[in-house]
Structure formats: structure tokens, C-alpha cells
């Protein structure tokens, strides 16, 4: 066991070259391996290395930055050198690092930026865990956005990666320092903030100046690679999310056996706001996925499941669990599970827990009035029935199922509105 713990603090020397080139016909892109000179916290020596390790501590890995070449295919111009975000982080921008970053530290930041690029109009925070968000939220202030994102799933946020879209202020930093996070990234840090964050010695604090420019990355495609176990490679263009405003949504309509089925109620302005927020968060979540959002914050997030009704149910279960935990923490300063354990040990009365359970049940895990968002169509009405049972008021989905008419009828029966995006958002 001690050997495994040691692996997490050891830099795995990677065998990858300093530069690589990828050729597309007559066009080439040139990449340079990223390394950093960082003082080793144990030896005190300055070590120049790249990634500490890959997804696991025994996997060598390397990060490459695009430094040369411009790719244009079928009239589409792909992202060019000089636009680096995560891949161009320097030692100077690692304001507190402790040790070289690992692969998941950087991919978590990257996917948070992938979500936040659509949420730049207001202060927003995304907390990531294993390349999926545990909580994403808007706020009137950055501190409020962080607090809402954190309380959306306090349990999963533990040891996570926080990225914010505004300079971090002292109020936000004080809240952040109360929790255990692995990474914090922001466009800038106000005076005194680093002193507050430094209370957490192992916290990696990173400045990414181009977060201020994130919105322009919405329309710039890049090349995605998927390597196969036989050495083959699948190449695809990154997806461009087409939904930018409420006008891009289409009221749900379907034709079945010559009869037209149309959603009866159009969304309210508040519902449209949550539909946009939810759809933009959704495109950063592993498929199959269904999420619930309300008032600019995630309520329940279901990720990576094989069936749509199942992931809708998992997101509901998580909403109830996280709602109860948030209630318990605000009321007693401890987690629901800790309270449960203390009841078992005879240290606390069961009464407090029963009250939390009753309030959670009454509020349906905070799902009443929420918007249900699905990255692909519902093949059967059972998926939306899960959300309707919990009190959702609206649904966002691509549409295109043979049973769209049944899903529309299910919503109309419940007075729930629904819009189609006409675009699927699978992310694997």
C-alpha cells in the first residue's frame, strides 16, 4: 500500500518525443511537448518534466501544445497556433503548484473551460471530477456562483477541480479555502487571494489569462483523436454547439401516422434561461447523460449510462442524495452520512435525520420546477415520465425518435413544456 501511495508523488518519465507532427494530406500541424521547471516538494530540487503521469500513476503521458501549421479542410478552418489555454500554461502561471500536474488535472480544467465558454455573460463556476461536472452554477457574484456549484454536490466536489470565469476575489477564496480541492483556475487573482488559498498547501492554483476570451472558442473547431487498441486512429472534427439563444430552440412537434403532435405550452422566460444553461452544461458531460437544472444551477447530473431511463433515474437519486446532504451540512455542519453514522453510534438523535428526509421528500430533491436536459432523444416516454413524476416543468432534447409523439403527449398530459434542439450532444 505504501508503494501505491508513493506512486502518486512520483513523476513517471515519459518516452515521448519533444516534438510531433501530424500530416493531413499536404498540410501539417506541429506540436511541442510541454515541460515545466518546478521545485520538487520532497527533494527541494528544481525538476524539469512534463506531466507527472497519465490517468493512472503507472501510465507515462505527455502534453503537447500546437505551435505550427494551419489546418483547413473542406472550407473549414481549424484552430491555429497562438490560442493555447491549458496546453500553454507556463511556470509563471502556476501560482502554487507543489508538484507537476497529472493528466486528469489538466483535462478537468479543459472540460470546465469547454462548459464555461457558453456561460460568460454572468459569473459562473464549474467544479469537475473525472472530466464530468459535479456542479455548475451562475451567481450574481463569483462567490455565490462557487457556493451554489459546491453545494449542488458537496460530496463529489471533494478533491475536485474548480474553474471560474471571473478574477477570483477574497470572498470566493475564503469559501474555496474551507474545502479540499485539487486545482483552482481563474483568469486572475485579486490582491490577497493567494495568501488565503495558500492555506491549502497541496492546492494547485493556476492562472489562465485567456479565460476572459473564452466566448470566441465557441465557434473554433479542433481535431479530436481516438486511438484504438489495434493502433488505429479515429479522427473527427469537434462539435460546434448550435444553440446560442432561445430562438434556436424549436417547440416540440412530431407527425405519426399522418397526425401532428405539438407541445401545447411554450416555455416561460425563466424556463428558457434554464434550458440554455442546461444545454450548455450538457455538452460537457459524458454520454448517455440526463441532467436537471433550476435557476442557473445543476440539481442532478446523470452521466455515462447505457440506457436513457436509467440515467434519468440516477440523476434523480443523486438530486435527492445531494439535497439531503446540503440540508444536513447547513443545519449541523456535517455530512448526511456522518450524521447517519453518529445516529448509529448513539451520539445523535434520529429526529434530526428524519426531519431532513421529510424535507427532502417534500422538495423532491429540489427537482420541482426544474428543467430536464437529455443529450439525445428519448426512445420511449418512460424517460420523461421519470422527470415528470418529480415535478419538472420543461424538457430539452434533440428530438428525432420514432416515438416523439408519445413523449410530446406525456408532457402535454402533465402541462410540461418541451423544446427540440435538432442536434445531439454525445460525448465519449
Foldseek 3Di string as FASTA:
>chain_A
DVVQVVLVLAADAAPDDQKDWDDDPPWIWIKGWDWAFDQALPPRHTDIDAASAEPGSVHHDTAIATADTWDADPNATADHHPPDFLSPFYPVQFVAANGHHHHQQSLLVVLQLQLCLLVQPAKKKFWDDSQATLKIFGDNDNLRRVVQRCLLFVPRSAQTEMEILAADEQSNLQVVLVGHYQEYEYQHHDPPSVVSNCVRNNYGYGHGNCSPVSNVVLPHKDKDWDADPVRDIDIDIDDRQPDRFLVLWAFDWDADPRDIATFDDDDDPQQRVQLSSVVSSVLSAAPQWKWKDHPGMTQFIFGDDDAQLVSLVNRLVSLLQSLLQSVCCVVPVHGLVVVVVCVVVVNDPCVVVVVSNVVSVVCSSVLAAIEMEGLADHQALSNVVSSLVSHYQEYEHADDHSVSNRNSVVNNVSNHTYIHNVHGNHDD
